[in-house]
Amino acid sequence: MKVSVLICTYNSWKYIFSTIKNVLNQTLWDFELLILDNNSSDDTVKNIKSFQDERIKLFELYKNLWPYGGLNYLLEKSSWEYIAILDHDDLWASNKLKKQVDFLDKNINYIWCGTKTVMYYESDKKYFLYYLKEKNKYTIHSSLVFRKWNYRYDENILYFADAYFQKFSLCKWENKIYNLDETLTFHLIKDNFNNLTYSWFQLNLKNMKRLFDVHWMTFYAFLVFLYEIKRYAIIRIGIAKIFPKFFKCFDRLPYKLVWDWFKNFEGSEFEKIFEIK
């Protein structure tokens, strides 16, 4: 048995059906899909139960463990060789798991594997192709596949928790993640005013230190730091809702300035790879 796919979900009825269908359509069939529902109040569970597939195992809680507590819960339930992480609103190319498992099977010196990722802005249908160096300490969370071990997320961290998990728990600050040079992951950035990640940013020393620990002392780290402060202020004083077009442009500013990390991605190819109808 090869892969345990972990999805932690909360109020995702709008997206969860497509995400599950996308996983079940993987060319690699040797996997289990473990889904934890964090006490959703919408039709999320109903949509999950509409699938009749023995590979799906649903766990329903009456207490919200939040994303990283939920992933730790699912890690305890998994007993398969590899772990694959997927957000409840993201998608994979149909051959993603197979390519990553084949790579890890043949390259035992690597314990973790990621891919190139399409970053898609739901609010105005803009998208960019995000790519990292092949040998790295980090990859997009929903692209991550790693060999099962006694890893756990720090549940006391919300802001940048997935990056911390990869750099500290998985890599120990060494370049142990291999990013495949193929676009196999789709990451949805929801409407700017409802993105949970934004609400986790607090202007304090812990978050500032965490940001610089993750990105080290690079131009990008300083850029994101200034950007977070401005975004935090903009949201607080309500400019985001008064001038939505300005905020949408501002929201992508760090990625536009660090131009070598992003490039345009043709919509027709995007829809074909990720089976977007």
Protein backbone atom coordinates (compact mmCIF):
# COMPACT_ATOMS: atom_id res chain seq x y z
CA MET A 1 0.00 0.00 0.00
CA LYS A 2 1.47 3.28 -1.10
CA VAL A 3 -0.13 6.65 -0.24
CA SER A 4 -2.36 8.20 2.40
CA VAL A 5 -3.89 11.41 1.05
CA LEU A 6 -4.82 13.78 3.89
CA ILE A 7 -7.52 16.45 3.60
CA CYS A 8 -8.59 18.56 6.57
CA THR A 9 -11.78 20.45 5.77
CA TYR A 10 -14.20 22.99 7.20
CA ASN A 11 -17.21 24.55 5.44
CA SER A 12 -15.89 23.68 1.99
CA TRP A 13 -19.09 22.46 0.32
CA LYS A 14 -18.39 24.71 -2.68
CA TYR A 15 -15.04 23.04 -3.43
CA ILE A 16 -14.80 19.66 -1.72
CA PHE A 17 -16.68 17.67 -4.38
CA SER A 18 -14.26 18.73 -7.15
CA THR A 19 -11.26 18.14 -4.90
CA ILE A 20 -12.32 14.59 -3.99
CA LYS A 21 -13.25 13.75 -7.58
CA ASN A 22 -9.83 15.01 -8.65
CA VAL A 23 -8.08 12.69 -6.16
CA LEU A 24 -10.16 9.66 -7.16
CA ASN A 25 -9.19 10.26 -10.81
CA GLN A 26 -5.47 9.83 -10.07
CA THR A 27 -3.69 7.34 -12.34
CA LEU A 28 -2.14 5.83 -9.21
CA TRP A 29 -4.90 3.78 -7.58
CA ASP A 30 -2.98 2.43 -4.59
CA PHE A 31 -3.99 5.06 -2.03
CA GLU A 32 -6.43 5.84 0.76
CA LEU A 33 -8.13 9.21 1.14
CA LEU A 34 -8.44 10.30 4.77
CA ILE A 35 -10.74 13.29 5.29
CA LEU A 36 -11.31 15.07 8.58
CA ASP A 37 -14.32 17.37 8.85
CA ASN A 38 -13.79 20.06 11.49
CA ASN A 39 -17.46 20.32 12.50
CA SER A 40 -18.68 22.03 9.32
CA SER A 41 -22.01 23.86 9.43
CA ASP A 42 -22.75 23.62 5.69
CA ASP A 43 -23.16 20.71 3.23
CA THR A 44 -19.50 19.67 3.28
CA VAL A 45 -20.15 16.28 4.90
CA LYS A 46 -23.14 15.62 2.63
CA ASN A 47 -20.97 16.19 -0.44
CA ILE A 48 -18.23 13.92 0.92
CA LYS A 49 -20.71 11.12 1.66
CA SER A 50 -22.09 11.33 -1.88
CA PHE A 51 -19.02 9.40 -3.02
CA GLN A 52 -19.22 5.61 -2.85
CA ASP A 53 -15.56 4.64 -2.86
CA GLU A 54 -13.94 2.30 -0.34
CA ARG A 55 -10.71 4.31 -0.45
CA ILE A 56 -12.41 7.25 1.31
CA LYS A 57 -12.37 7.32 5.11
CA LEU A 58 -14.28 10.20 6.68
CA PHE A 59 -13.73 11.33 10.26
CA GLU A 60 -16.27 13.74 11.74
CA LEU A 61 -15.41 15.79 14.79
CA TYR A 62 -17.65 17.98 16.91
CA LYS A 63 -14.71 20.20 17.81
CA ASN A 64 -12.70 22.28 15.36
CA LEU A 65 -9.02 21.25 15.57
CA TRP A 66 -8.07 23.84 12.93
CA PRO A 67 -6.02 22.79 9.88
CA TYR A 68 -2.77 21.70 11.52
CA GLY A 69 -4.34 20.00 14.51
CA GLY A 70 -6.56 18.23 11.99
CA LEU A 71 -3.59 17.09 9.92
CA ASN A 72 -1.90 15.74 13.06
CA TYR A 73 -5.10 13.80 13.77
CA LEU A 74 -5.00 12.28 10.28
CA LEU A 75 -1.29 11.50 10.52
CA GLU A 76 -2.15 9.34 13.53
CA LYS A 77 -4.75 7.48 11.46
CA SER A 78 -2.42 6.81 8.53
CA SER A 79 -0.27 3.71 8.24
CA TRP A 80 0.77 3.76 4.60
CA GLU A 81 4.21 4.28 3.07
CA TYR A 82 3.77 7.86 1.81
CA ILE A 83 1.80 10.90 2.97
CA ALA A 84 0.27 13.38 0.48
CA ILE A 85 -1.14 16.70 1.70
CA LEU A 86 -4.04 18.41 -0.09
CA ASP A 87 -6.04 21.50 0.89
CA HIS A 88 -9.82 21.08 0.63
CA ASP A 89 -10.07 23.53 -2.30
CA ASP A 90 -6.97 22.60 -4.32
CA LEU A 91 -6.50 20.23 -7.28
CA TRP A 92 -3.91 17.88 -8.75
CA ALA A 93 -3.06 16.83 -12.28
CA SER A 94 -4.23 13.23 -12.76
CA ASN A 95 -0.69 11.82 -12.88
CA LYS A 96 0.70 13.81 -9.91
CA LEU A 97 0.79 11.06 -7.28
CA LYS A 98 2.22 8.50 -9.68
CA LYS A 99 5.06 10.77 -10.78
CA GLN A 100 5.98 11.68 -7.21
CA VAL A 101 5.81 8.11 -5.91
CA ASP A 102 7.87 6.87 -8.87
CA PHE A 103 10.46 9.53 -8.11
CA LEU A 104 10.63 8.72 -4.39
CA ASP A 105 10.78 4.98 -5.07
CA LYS A 106 13.79 5.50 -7.34
CA ASN A 107 15.52 8.19 -5.26
CA ILE A 108 15.80 6.93 -1.70
CA ASN A 109 18.11 9.83 -0.78
CA TYR A 110 15.07 12.14 -1.01
CA ILE A 111 12.33 11.81 1.57
CA TRP A 112 10.01 14.55 0.27
CA CYS A 113 8.81 15.66 -3.14
CA GLY A 114 6.90 18.70 -4.47
CA THR A 115 5.89 20.07 -7.88
CA LYS A 116 5.37 23.31 -9.77
CA THR A 117 2.08 24.95 -8.82
CA VAL A 118 -0.51 27.16 -10.47
CA MET A 119 -1.58 29.94 -8.07
CA TYR A 120 -5.14 30.91 -8.97
CA TYR A 121 -6.87 34.07 -7.68
CA GLU A 122 -10.56 33.25 -7.50
CA SER A 123 -11.80 36.83 -7.17
CA ASP A 124 -10.61 38.03 -10.57
CA LYS A 125 -9.50 34.80 -12.29
CA LYS A 126 -5.82 35.65 -12.45
CA TYR A 127 -3.22 32.91 -12.27
CA PHE A 128 0.54 32.53 -12.14
CA LEU A 129 2.92 29.60 -12.37
CA TYR A 130 4.91 29.25 -9.15
CA TYR A 131 8.15 27.34 -9.30
CA LEU A 132 11.03 26.74 -6.90
CA LYS A 133 14.50 25.32 -7.24
CA GLU A 134 14.56 21.55 -7.63
CA LYS A 135 16.51 20.98 -4.40
CA ASN A 136 14.89 23.01 -1.66
CA LYS A 137 13.69 23.28 1.93
CA TYR A 138 10.19 24.22 0.86
CA THR A 139 7.41 23.49 -1.60
CA ILE A 140 3.76 24.48 -1.93
CA HIS A 141 1.95 22.60 0.82
CA SER A 142 -0.70 20.98 -1.42
CA SER A 143 2.03 19.57 -3.68
CA LEU A 144 3.88 17.82 -0.85
CA VAL A 145 4.39 14.04 -0.71
CA PHE A 146 6.73 12.57 1.91
CA ARG A 147 7.74 9.25 3.40
CA LYS A 148 5.76 8.47 6.54
CA TRP A 149 7.67 9.11 9.74
CA ASN A 150 6.93 10.51 13.18
CA TYR A 151 6.37 14.08 11.90
CA ARG A 152 3.92 16.47 13.49
CA TYR A 153 2.79 20.05 12.85
CA ASP A 154 3.27 22.62 15.60
CA GLU A 155 -0.35 23.38 16.50
CA ASN A 156 0.68 26.54 18.35
CA ILE A 157 1.67 28.13 15.03
CA LEU A 158 -0.86 29.28 12.44
CA TYR A 159 0.91 31.91 10.36
CA PHE A 160 3.49 30.19 8.09
CA ALA A 161 2.90 26.89 9.92
CA ASP A 162 3.22 24.73 6.80
CA ALA A 163 6.54 26.35 5.84
CA TYR A 164 7.81 25.88 9.39
CA PHE A 165 6.75 22.24 9.29
CA GLN A 166 8.73 21.66 6.10
CA LYS A 167 11.89 23.52 7.07
CA PHE A 168 12.14 22.44 10.70
CA SER A 169 10.39 19.06 10.96
CA LEU A 170 11.02 17.64 7.51
CA CYS A 171 14.24 19.18 6.25
CA LYS A 172 16.09 20.31 9.39
CA TRP A 173 17.24 23.30 7.30
CA GLU A 174 18.80 21.10 4.61
CA ASN A 175 17.71 20.96 0.95
CA LYS A 176 15.92 17.63 1.26
CA ILE A 177 12.78 18.38 -0.75
CA TYR A 178 12.93 17.72 -4.48
CA ASN A 179 10.56 19.78 -6.61
CA LEU A 180 9.62 18.12 -9.89
CA ASP A 181 9.94 20.43 -12.89
CA GLU A 182 6.32 19.80 -13.89
CA THR A 183 3.09 21.71 -13.24
CA LEU A 184 1.03 19.19 -11.27
CA THR A 185 -0.62 21.22 -8.48
CA PHE A 186 -3.34 23.89 -8.49
CA HIS A 187 -3.59 26.17 -5.43
CA LEU A 188 -6.71 28.29 -5.03
CA ILE A 189 -6.42 31.70 -3.38
CA LYS A 190 -9.97 32.54 -2.36
CA ASP A 191 -11.68 35.88 -2.42
CA ASN A 192 -9.34 38.38 -0.75
CA PHE A 193 -11.71 39.24 2.07
CA ASN A 194 -12.34 35.63 3.15
CA ASN A 195 -8.86 34.14 3.11
CA LEU A 196 -8.24 32.48 6.47
CA THR A 197 -4.48 32.94 6.24
CA TYR A 198 -4.87 36.71 6.32
CA SER A 199 -6.67 36.57 9.64
CA TRP A 200 -3.75 34.65 11.17
CA PHE A 201 -1.25 37.45 10.63
CA GLN A 202 -0.67 39.53 13.74
CA LEU A 203 1.80 42.36 13.84
CA ASN A 204 4.13 41.01 16.53
CA LEU A 205 7.75 39.92 16.98
CA LYS A 206 6.94 36.19 16.76
CA ASN A 207 5.36 36.51 13.33
CA MET A 208 8.13 38.78 12.07
CA LYS A 209 10.80 36.37 13.26
CA ARG A 210 8.95 33.43 11.73
CA LEU A 211 8.71 35.18 8.38
CA PHE A 212 12.46 35.85 8.29
CA ASP A 213 13.26 32.34 9.52
CA VAL A 214 11.27 30.87 6.65
CA HIS A 215 12.58 33.15 3.89
CA TRP A 216 15.93 33.90 5.53
CA MET A 217 17.45 37.36 5.03
CA THR A 218 16.44 37.80 1.40
CA PHE A 219 14.91 40.64 -0.58
CA TYR A 220 11.73 38.60 -0.78
CA ALA A 221 11.54 38.31 3.02
CA PHE A 222 11.74 42.08 3.45
CA LEU A 223 9.21 42.56 0.68
CA VAL A 224 6.70 40.17 2.23
CA PHE A 225 7.23 41.73 5.65
CA LEU A 226 6.39 45.22 4.37
CA TYR A 227 3.54 43.80 2.35
CA GLU A 228 2.00 42.07 5.38
CA ILE A 229 2.11 45.27 7.40
CA LYS A 230 0.44 47.25 4.62
CA ARG A 231 -2.15 44.55 3.97
CA TYR A 232 -2.90 44.29 7.68
CA ALA A 233 -3.46 48.05 7.85
CA ILE A 234 -5.51 48.12 4.65
CA ILE A 235 -7.86 45.40 5.88
CA ARG A 236 -8.24 47.00 9.29
CA ILE A 237 -9.23 50.42 7.96
CA GLY A 238 -11.58 48.93 5.38
CA ILE A 239 -9.90 50.12 2.19
CA ALA A 240 -10.07 46.58 0.78
CA LYS A 241 -13.85 46.74 0.52
CA ILE A 242 -13.99 50.36 -0.57
CA PHE A 243 -11.44 49.91 -3.38
CA PRO A 244 -11.53 46.19 -4.28
CA LYS A 245 -9.73 46.56 -7.61
CA PHE A 246 -6.82 48.33 -5.92
CA PHE A 247 -6.63 45.62 -3.26
CA LYS A 248 -6.63 42.80 -5.82
CA CYS A 249 -3.64 44.35 -7.56
CA PHE A 250 -1.91 45.02 -4.26
CA ASP A 251 -2.50 41.45 -3.12
CA ARG A 252 -0.20 40.09 -5.83
CA LEU A 253 2.48 42.75 -5.44
CA PRO A 254 5.28 40.61 -3.89
CA TYR A 255 4.91 37.97 -6.58
CA LYS A 256 4.91 40.51 -9.39
CA LEU A 257 8.07 42.19 -8.08
CA VAL A 258 9.88 38.91 -7.59
CA TRP A 259 9.28 38.23 -11.24
CA ASP A 260 11.52 35.18 -11.66
CA TRP A 261 9.26 33.15 -9.34
CA PHE A 262 6.18 33.67 -11.49
CA LYS A 263 5.20 33.69 -15.12
CA ASN A 264 1.94 33.73 -17.04
CA PHE A 265 0.14 30.44 -17.56
CA GLU A 266 -2.21 29.90 -20.49
CA GLY A 267 -5.81 29.33 -19.44
CA SER A 268 -6.52 26.59 -21.97
CA GLU A 269 -3.56 24.54 -20.73
CA PHE A 270 -4.54 25.24 -17.14
CA GLU A 271 -8.06 23.91 -17.69
CA LYS A 272 -6.81 20.82 -19.49
CA ILE A 273 -4.22 19.81 -16.89
CA PHE A 274 -6.51 20.20 -13.90
CA GLU A 275 -9.72 19.09 -15.62
CA ILE A 276 -11.47 22.39 -14.98
CA LYS A 277 -14.89 22.41 -16.66
